[in-house]
Amino acid sequence: MGKVRCALRDANLPAKWWPEALKYMTYAQNYTPMSRLKNPTPYELVKGVSSDVKTLQVWSCVCFAYVPEVARKDKKMSARA
């Protein structure tokens, strides 16, 4: 839970987000090589295939959802995300 606490604090998120932080930290740890396992990831040991770190996302980054042009109220000056 130490990683979860740190992730929440670094992201300035309230404690109610701890389940999401725990899910992310578990996922990230399963895709991270471990020296005590001689560098395979836990995912590789369980699944038998190498893990793809491209699936890892940045924790708590700001993101925007695209608003299609037909859904915008003001076609020229409204936000696109």
PDB file of N, CA and C in Angstrom:
ATOM      1  N   MET A   1       0.810  -1.199   0.000  1.00  0.00           N
ATOM      2  CA  MET A   1       0.000   0.000   0.000  1.00  0.00           C
ATOM      3  C   MET A   1       0.853   1.262   0.000  1.00  0.00           C
ATOM      4  N   GLY A   2       2.143   1.111   0.247  1.00  0.00           N
ATOM      5  CA  GLY A   2       3.022   2.273   0.239  1.00  0.00           C
ATOM      6  C   GLY A   2       3.072   2.942  -1.122  1.00  0.00           C
ATOM      7  N   LYS A   3       3.135   2.131  -2.188  1.00  0.00           N
ATOM      8  CA  LYS A   3       3.165   2.696  -3.541  1.00  0.00           C
ATOM      9  C   LYS A   3       1.855   3.406  -3.863  1.00  0.00           C
ATOM     10  N   VAL A   4       0.769   2.841  -3.390  1.00  0.00           N
ATOM     11  CA  VAL A   4      -0.547   3.439  -3.632  1.00  0.00           C
ATOM     12  C   VAL A   4      -0.643   4.787  -2.936  1.00  0.00           C
ATOM     13  N   ARG A   5      -0.210   4.837  -1.679  1.00  0.00           N
ATOM     14  CA  ARG A   5      -0.234   6.094  -0.931  1.00  0.00           C
ATOM     15  C   ARG A   5       0.611   7.154  -1.625  1.00  0.00           C
ATOM     16  N   CYS A   6       1.802   6.756  -2.068  1.00  0.00           N
ATOM     17  CA  CYS A   6       2.692   7.704  -2.758  1.00  0.00           C
ATOM     18  C   CYS A   6       2.084   8.179  -4.075  1.00  0.00           C
ATOM     19  N   ALA A   7       1.475   7.259  -4.821  1.00  0.00           N
ATOM     20  CA  ALA A   7       0.862   7.630  -6.098  1.00  0.00           C
ATOM     21  C   ALA A   7      -0.260   8.635  -5.889  1.00  0.00           C
ATOM     22  N   LEU A   8      -1.081   8.402  -4.877  1.00  0.00           N
ATOM     23  CA  LEU A   8      -2.178   9.334  -4.595  1.00  0.00           C
ATOM     24  C   LEU A   8      -1.646  10.692  -4.169  1.00  0.00           C
ATOM     25  N   ARG A   9      -0.628  10.685  -3.334  1.00  0.00           N
ATOM     26  CA  ARG A   9      -0.064  11.951  -2.853  1.00  0.00           C
ATOM     27  C   ARG A   9       0.585  12.715  -4.008  1.00  0.00           C
ATOM     28  N   ASP A  10       1.361  12.022  -4.841  1.00  0.00           N
ATOM     29  CA  ASP A  10       2.027  12.688  -5.966  1.00  0.00           C
ATOM     30  C   ASP A  10       1.035  13.255  -6.974  1.00  0.00           C
ATOM     31  N   ALA A  11      -0.105  12.589  -7.126  1.00  0.00           N
ATOM     32  CA  ALA A  11      -1.110  13.037  -8.088  1.00  0.00           C
ATOM     33  C   ALA A  11      -2.090  14.038  -7.490  1.00  0.00           C
ATOM     34  N   ASN A  12      -1.930  14.348  -6.201  1.00  0.00           N
ATOM     35  CA  ASN A  12      -2.858  15.238  -5.495  1.00  0.00           C
ATOM     36  C   ASN A  12      -4.300  14.753  -5.600  1.00  0.00           C
ATOM     37  N   LEU A  13      -4.482  13.439  -5.472  1.00  0.00           N
ATOM     38  CA  LEU A  13      -5.816  12.853  -5.527  1.00  0.00           C
ATOM     39  C   LEU A  13      -6.293  12.503  -4.125  1.00  0.00           C
ATOM     40  N   PRO A  14      -7.596  12.584  -3.877  1.00  0.00           N
ATOM     41  CA  PRO A  14      -8.114  12.212  -2.560  1.00  0.00           C
ATOM     42  C   PRO A  14      -8.061  10.698  -2.354  1.00  0.00           C
ATOM     43  N   ALA A  15      -8.193  10.285  -1.108  1.00  0.00           N
ATOM     44  CA  ALA A  15      -8.082   8.868  -0.743  1.00  0.00           C
ATOM     45  C   ALA A  15      -9.152   8.002  -1.401  1.00  0.00           C
ATOM     46  N   LYS A  16     -10.264   8.593  -1.836  1.00  0.00           N
ATOM     47  CA  LYS A  16     -11.323   7.778  -2.447  1.00  0.00           C
ATOM     48  C   LYS A  16     -10.866   7.111  -3.753  1.00  0.00           C
ATOM     49  N   TRP A  17      -9.750   7.565  -4.317  1.00  0.00           N
ATOM     50  CA  TRP A  17      -9.229   6.986  -5.555  1.00  0.00           C
ATOM     51  C   TRP A  17      -8.281   5.819  -5.312  1.00  0.00           C
ATOM     52  N   TRP A  18      -8.156   5.351  -4.052  1.00  0.00           N
ATOM     53  CA  TRP A  18      -7.193   4.295  -3.768  1.00  0.00           C
ATOM     54  C   TRP A  18      -7.454   3.004  -4.547  1.00  0.00           C
ATOM     55  N   PRO A  19      -8.711   2.587  -4.843  1.00  0.00           N
ATOM     56  CA  PRO A  19      -8.870   1.353  -5.629  1.00  0.00           C
ATOM     57  C   PRO A  19      -8.257   1.464  -7.029  1.00  0.00           C
ATOM     58  N   GLU A  20      -8.411   2.629  -7.666  1.00  0.00           N
ATOM     59  CA  GLU A  20      -7.828   2.815  -8.999  1.00  0.00           C
ATOM     60  C   GLU A  20      -6.306   2.840  -8.933  1.00  0.00           C
ATOM     61  N   ALA A  21      -5.779   3.482  -7.910  1.00  0.00           N
ATOM     62  CA  ALA A  21      -4.326   3.524  -7.735  1.00  0.00           C
ATOM     63  C   ALA A  21      -3.783   2.126  -7.486  1.00  0.00           C
ATOM     64  N   LEU A  22      -4.485   1.340  -6.692  1.00  0.00           N
ATOM     65  CA  LEU A  22      -4.056  -0.031  -6.412  1.00  0.00           C
ATOM     66  C   LEU A  22      -4.062  -0.873  -7.679  1.00  0.00           C
ATOM     67  N   LYS A  23      -5.120  -0.736  -8.494  1.00  0.00           N
ATOM     68  CA  LYS A  23      -5.178  -1.473  -9.762  1.00  0.00           C
ATOM     69  C   LYS A  23      -3.994  -1.123 -10.652  1.00  0.00           C
ATOM     70  N   TYR A  24      -3.708   0.179 -10.757  1.00  0.00           N
ATOM     71  CA  TYR A  24      -2.612   0.618 -11.614  1.00  0.00           C
ATOM     72  C   TYR A  24      -1.267   0.129 -11.088  1.00  0.00           C
ATOM     73  N   MET A  25      -1.032   0.268  -9.795  1.00  0.00           N
ATOM     74  CA  MET A  25       0.254  -0.137  -9.222  1.00  0.00           C
ATOM     75  C   MET A  25       0.472  -1.640  -9.357  1.00  0.00           C
ATOM     76  N   THR A  26      -0.580  -2.432  -9.194  1.00  0.00           N
ATOM     77  CA  THR A  26      -0.476  -3.882  -9.374  1.00  0.00           C
ATOM     78  C   THR A  26      -0.143  -4.207 -10.824  1.00  0.00           C
ATOM     79  N   TYR A  27      -0.828  -3.554 -11.744  1.00  0.00           N
ATOM     80  CA  TYR A  27      -0.579  -3.761 -13.172  1.00  0.00           C
ATOM     81  C   TYR A  27       0.860  -3.394 -13.524  1.00  0.00           C
ATOM     82  N   ALA A  28       1.309  -2.238 -13.054  1.00  0.00           N
ATOM     83  CA  ALA A  28       2.671  -1.786 -13.350  1.00  0.00           C
ATOM     84  C   ALA A  28       3.708  -2.727 -12.751  1.00  0.00           C
ATOM     85  N   GLN A  29       3.466  -3.204 -11.544  1.00  0.00           N
ATOM     86  CA  GLN A  29       4.425  -4.108 -10.908  1.00  0.00           C
ATOM     87  C   GLN A  29       4.494  -5.441 -11.650  1.00  0.00           C
ATOM     88  N   ASN A  30       3.378  -5.917 -12.167  1.00  0.00           N
ATOM     89  CA  ASN A  30       3.376  -7.179 -12.907  1.00  0.00           C
ATOM     90  C   ASN A  30       4.100  -7.071 -14.242  1.00  0.00           C
ATOM     91  N   TYR A  31       4.265  -5.870 -14.753  1.00  0.00           N
ATOM     92  CA  TYR A  31       4.957  -5.659 -16.025  1.00  0.00           C
ATOM     93  C   TYR A  31       6.382  -5.142 -15.850  1.00  0.00           C
ATOM     94  N   THR A  32       6.863  -5.070 -14.607  1.00  0.00           N
ATOM     95  CA  THR A  32       8.197  -4.555 -14.315  1.00  0.00           C
ATOM     96  C   THR A  32       9.139  -5.708 -13.997  1.00  0.00           C
ATOM     97  N   PRO A  33      10.317  -5.782 -14.661  1.00  0.00           N
ATOM     98  CA  PRO A  33      11.272  -6.855 -14.360  1.00  0.00           C
ATOM     99  C   PRO A  33      11.722  -6.806 -12.899  1.00  0.00           C
ATOM    100  N   MET A  34      11.934  -7.983 -12.330  1.00  0.00           N
ATOM    101  CA  MET A  34      12.349  -8.071 -10.931  1.00  0.00           C
ATOM    102  C   MET A  34      13.685  -8.794 -10.842  1.00  0.00           C
ATOM    103  N   SER A  35      14.642  -8.172 -10.166  1.00  0.00           N
ATOM    104  CA  SER A  35      15.977  -8.762 -10.065  1.00  0.00           C
ATOM    105  C   SER A  35      15.955 -10.081  -9.301  1.00  0.00           C
ATOM    106  N   ARG A  36      15.078 -10.225  -8.312  1.00  0.00           N
ATOM    107  CA  ARG A  36      15.040 -11.484  -7.557  1.00  0.00           C
ATOM    108  C   ARG A  36      14.508 -12.641  -8.403  1.00  0.00           C
ATOM    109  N   LEU A  37      13.848 -12.322  -9.505  1.00  0.00           N
ATOM    110  CA  LEU A  37      13.377 -13.351 -10.438  1.00  0.00           C
ATOM    111  C   LEU A  37      14.328 -13.496 -11.621  1.00  0.00           C
ATOM    112  N   LYS A  38      15.497 -12.904 -11.521  1.00  0.00           N
ATOM    113  CA  LYS A  38      16.506 -12.881 -12.598  1.00  0.00           C
ATOM    114  C   LYS A  38      15.976 -12.166 -13.839  1.00  0.00           C
ATOM    115  N   ASN A  39      15.243 -11.098 -13.612  1.00  0.00           N
ATOM    116  CA  ASN A  39      14.763 -10.118 -14.591  1.00  0.00           C
ATOM    117  C   ASN A  39      13.567 -10.469 -15.465  1.00  0.00           C
ATOM    118  N   PRO A  40      12.934 -11.623 -15.363  1.00  0.00           N
ATOM    119  CA  PRO A  40      11.649 -11.698 -16.074  1.00  0.00           C
ATOM    120  C   PRO A  40      10.584 -10.966 -15.258  1.00  0.00           C
ATOM    121  N   THR A  41       9.520 -10.632 -15.896  1.00  0.00           N
ATOM    122  CA  THR A  41       8.423  -9.981 -15.179  1.00  0.00           C
ATOM    123  C   THR A  41       7.504 -11.056 -14.607  1.00  0.00           C
ATOM    124  N   PRO A  42       6.740 -10.741 -13.570  1.00  0.00           N
ATOM    125  CA  PRO A  42       5.755 -11.706 -13.075  1.00  0.00           C
ATOM    126  C   PRO A  42       4.773 -12.126 -14.173  1.00  0.00           C
ATOM    127  N   TYR A  43       4.424 -11.205 -15.058  1.00  0.00           N
ATOM    128  CA  TYR A  43       3.531 -11.519 -16.178  1.00  0.00           C
ATOM    129  C   TYR A  43       4.130 -12.615 -17.057  1.00  0.00           C
ATOM    130  N   GLU A  44       5.430 -12.505 -17.355  1.00  0.00           N
ATOM    131  CA  GLU A  44       6.099 -13.511 -18.179  1.00  0.00           C
ATOM    132  C   GLU A  44       6.101 -14.871 -17.500  1.00  0.00           C
ATOM    133  N   LEU A  45       6.310 -14.894 -16.190  1.00  0.00           N
ATOM    134  CA  LEU A  45       6.334 -16.162 -15.468  1.00  0.00           C
ATOM    135  C   LEU A  45       4.975 -16.851 -15.483  1.00  0.00           C
ATOM    136  N   VAL A  46       3.906 -16.083 -15.393  1.00  0.00           N
ATOM    137  CA  VAL A  46       2.563 -16.663 -15.357  1.00  0.00           C
ATOM    138  C   VAL A  46       2.075 -17.026 -16.753  1.00  0.00           C
ATOM    139  N   LYS A  47       2.227 -16.113 -17.706  1.00  0.00           N
ATOM    140  CA  LYS A  47       1.667 -16.300 -19.053  1.00  0.00           C
ATOM    141  C   LYS A  47       2.595 -17.037 -20.014  1.00  0.00           C
ATOM    142  N   GLY A  48       3.898 -16.984 -19.754  1.00  0.00           N
ATOM    143  CA  GLY A  48       4.841 -17.646 -20.644  1.00  0.00           C
ATOM    144  C   GLY A  48       5.230 -16.833 -21.865  1.00  0.00           C
ATOM    145  N   VAL A  49       4.747 -15.614 -21.974  1.00  0.00           N
ATOM    146  CA  VAL A  49       5.114 -14.720 -23.076  1.00  0.00           C
ATOM    147  C   VAL A  49       5.633 -13.418 -22.489  1.00  0.00           C
ATOM    148  N   SER A  50       6.474 -12.729 -23.243  1.00  0.00           N
ATOM    149  CA  SER A  50       7.031 -11.485 -22.714  1.00  0.00           C
ATOM    150  C   SER A  50       5.959 -10.396 -22.660  1.00  0.00           C
ATOM    151  N   SER A  51       6.097  -9.532 -21.680  1.00  0.00           N
ATOM    152  CA  SER A  51       5.127  -8.455 -21.499  1.00  0.00           C
ATOM    153  C   SER A  51       5.454  -7.294 -22.425  1.00  0.00           C
ATOM    154  N   ASP A  52       4.445  -6.545 -22.776  1.00  0.00           N
ATOM    155  CA  ASP A  52       4.605  -5.394 -23.654  1.00  0.00           C
ATOM    156  C   ASP A  52       4.378  -4.126 -22.839  1.00  0.00           C
ATOM    157  N   VAL A  53       5.444  -3.380 -22.575  1.00  0.00           N
ATOM    158  CA  VAL A  53       5.327  -2.179 -21.743  1.00  0.00           C
ATOM    159  C   VAL A  53       4.601  -1.044 -22.458  1.00  0.00           C
ATOM    160  N   LYS A  54       4.292  -1.206 -23.728  1.00  0.00           N
ATOM    161  CA  LYS A  54       3.534  -0.176 -24.443  1.00  0.00           C
ATOM    162  C   LYS A  54       2.125  -0.029 -23.878  1.00  0.00           C
ATOM    163  N   THR A  55       1.664  -1.050 -23.164  1.00  0.00           N
ATOM    164  CA  THR A  55       0.324  -0.978 -22.583  1.00  0.00           C
ATOM    165  C   THR A  55       0.293  -0.143 -21.314  1.00  0.00           C
ATOM    166  N   LEU A  56       1.458   0.166 -20.743  1.00  0.00           N
ATOM    167  CA  LEU A  56       1.499   0.995 -19.537  1.00  0.00           C
ATOM    168  C   LEU A  56       1.196   2.444 -19.896  1.00  0.00           C
ATOM    169  N   GLN A  57       0.367   3.070 -19.097  1.00  0.00           N
ATOM    170  CA  GLN A  57       0.001   4.466 -19.298  1.00  0.00           C
ATOM    171  C   GLN A  57       0.584   5.305 -18.173  1.00  0.00           C
ATOM    172  N   VAL A  58       0.640   6.591 -18.365  1.00  0.00           N
ATOM    173  CA  VAL A  58       1.111   7.496 -17.326  1.00  0.00           C
ATOM    174  C   VAL A  58       0.013   7.614 -16.276  1.00  0.00           C
ATOM    175  N   TRP A  59       0.375   7.453 -15.009  1.00  0.00           N
ATOM    176  CA  TRP A  59      -0.597   7.535 -13.920  1.00  0.00           C
ATOM    177  C   TRP A  59      -0.994   8.984 -13.678  1.00  0.00           C
ATOM    178  N   SER A  60      -2.249   9.235 -13.630  1.00  0.00           N
ATOM    179  CA  SER A  60      -2.888  10.508 -13.281  1.00  0.00           C
ATOM    180  C   SER A  60      -2.465  11.679 -14.155  1.00  0.00           C
ATOM    181  N   CYS A  61      -2.353  11.450 -15.450  1.00  0.00           N
ATOM    182  CA  CYS A  61      -2.046  12.564 -16.336  1.00  0.00           C
ATOM    183  C   CYS A  61      -3.355  13.223 -16.786  1.00  0.00           C
ATOM    184  N   VAL A  62      -3.276  14.464 -17.156  1.00  0.00           N
ATOM    185  CA  VAL A  62      -4.449  15.178 -17.658  1.00  0.00           C
ATOM    186  C   VAL A  62      -4.728  14.683 -19.069  1.00  0.00           C
ATOM    187  N   CYS A  63      -5.964  14.362 -19.349  1.00  0.00           N
ATOM    188  CA  CYS A  63      -6.317  13.923 -20.698  1.00  0.00           C
ATOM    189  C   CYS A  63      -7.599  14.632 -21.124  1.00  0.00           C
ATOM    190  N   PHE A  64      -7.847  14.628 -22.405  1.00  0.00           N
ATOM    191  CA  PHE A  64      -9.003  15.310 -22.959  1.00  0.00           C
ATOM    192  C   PHE A  64      -9.742  14.363 -23.889  1.00  0.00           C
ATOM    193  N   ALA A  65     -11.054  14.421 -23.873  1.00  0.00           N
ATOM    194  CA  ALA A  65     -11.872  13.627 -24.783  1.00  0.00           C
ATOM    195  C   ALA A  65     -12.240  14.506 -25.977  1.00  0.00           C
ATOM    196  N   TYR A  66     -12.068  13.979 -27.167  1.00  0.00           N
ATOM    197  CA  TYR A  66     -12.384  14.721 -28.381  1.00  0.00           C
ATOM    198  C   TYR A  66     -13.897  14.889 -28.501  1.00  0.00           C
ATOM    199  N   VAL A  67     -14.332  16.093 -28.821  1.00  0.00           N
ATOM    200  CA  VAL A  67     -15.750  16.385 -29.035  1.00  0.00           C
ATOM    201  C   VAL A  67     -15.959  16.495 -30.545  1.00  0.00           C
ATOM    202  N   PRO A  68     -16.736  15.585 -31.138  1.00  0.00           N
ATOM    203  CA  PRO A  68     -16.961  15.645 -32.584  1.00  0.00           C
ATOM    204  C   PRO A  68     -17.593  16.974 -32.993  1.00  0.00           C
ATOM    205  N   GLU A  69     -17.313  17.396 -34.196  1.00  0.00           N
ATOM    206  CA  GLU A  69     -17.785  18.700 -34.676  1.00  0.00           C
ATOM    207  C   GLU A  69     -19.304  18.819 -34.601  1.00  0.00           C
ATOM    208  N   VAL A  70     -20.011  17.739 -34.864  1.00  0.00           N
ATOM    209  CA  VAL A  70     -21.482  17.798 -34.841  1.00  0.00           C
ATOM    210  C   VAL A  70     -22.022  17.983 -33.426  1.00  0.00           C
ATOM    211  N   ALA A  71     -21.243  17.652 -32.408  1.00  0.00           N
ATOM    212  CA  ALA A  71     -21.700  17.777 -31.016  1.00  0.00           C
ATOM    213  C   ALA A  71     -21.325  19.115 -30.390  1.00  0.00           C
ATOM    214  N   ARG A  72     -20.546  19.918 -31.093  1.00  0.00           N
ATOM    215  CA  ARG A  72     -20.125  21.214 -30.548  1.00  0.00           C
ATOM    216  C   ARG A  72     -21.245  22.233 -30.674  1.00  0.00           C
ATOM    217  N   LYS A  73     -21.377  23.062 -29.651  1.00  0.00           N
ATOM    218  CA  LYS A  73     -22.434  24.079 -29.663  1.00  0.00           C
ATOM    219  C   LYS A  73     -22.074  25.234 -30.592  1.00  0.00           C
ATOM    220  N   ASP A  74     -20.887  25.776 -30.438  1.00  0.00           N
ATOM    221  CA  ASP A  74     -20.409  26.859 -31.293  1.00  0.00           C
ATOM    222  C   ASP A  74     -19.362  26.237 -32.215  1.00  0.00           C
ATOM    223  N   LYS A  75     -19.653  26.152 -33.483  1.00  0.00           N
ATOM    224  CA  LYS A  75     -18.794  25.420 -34.417  1.00  0.00           C
ATOM    225  C   LYS A  75     -17.387  25.993 -34.548  1.00  0.00           C
ATOM    226  N   LYS A  76     -17.233  27.308 -34.383  1.00  0.00           N
ATOM    227  CA  LYS A  76     -15.922  27.914 -34.608  1.00  0.00           C
ATOM    228  C   LYS A  76     -15.084  28.046 -33.350  1.00  0.00           C
ATOM    229  N   MET A  77     -15.673  28.503 -32.247  1.00  0.00           N
ATOM    230  CA  MET A  77     -14.879  28.862 -31.073  1.00  0.00           C
ATOM    231  C   MET A  77     -15.044  27.922 -29.877  1.00  0.00           C
ATOM    232  N   SER A  78     -15.862  26.897 -29.973  1.00  0.00           N
ATOM    233  CA  SER A  78     -16.049  26.014 -28.821  1.00  0.00           C
ATOM    234  C   SER A  78     -14.847  25.081 -28.658  1.00  0.00           C
ATOM    235  N   ALA A  79     -14.724  24.529 -27.471  1.00  0.00           N
ATOM    236  CA  ALA A  79     -13.616  23.614 -27.186  1.00  0.00           C
ATOM    237  C   ALA A  79     -13.748  22.356 -28.040  1.00  0.00           C
ATOM    238  N   ARG A  80     -12.617  21.840 -28.467  1.00  0.00           N
ATOM    239  CA  ARG A  80     -12.616  20.623 -29.270  1.00  0.00           C
ATOM    240  C   ARG A  80     -12.344  19.391 -28.422  1.00  0.00           C
ATOM    241  N   ALA A  81     -12.049  19.635 -27.165  1.00  0.00           N
ATOM    242  CA  ALA A  81     -11.803  18.516 -26.247  1.00  0.00           C
ATOM    243  C   ALA A  81     -12.363  18.866 -24.887  1.00  0.00           C
TER     244      ALA A  81
END
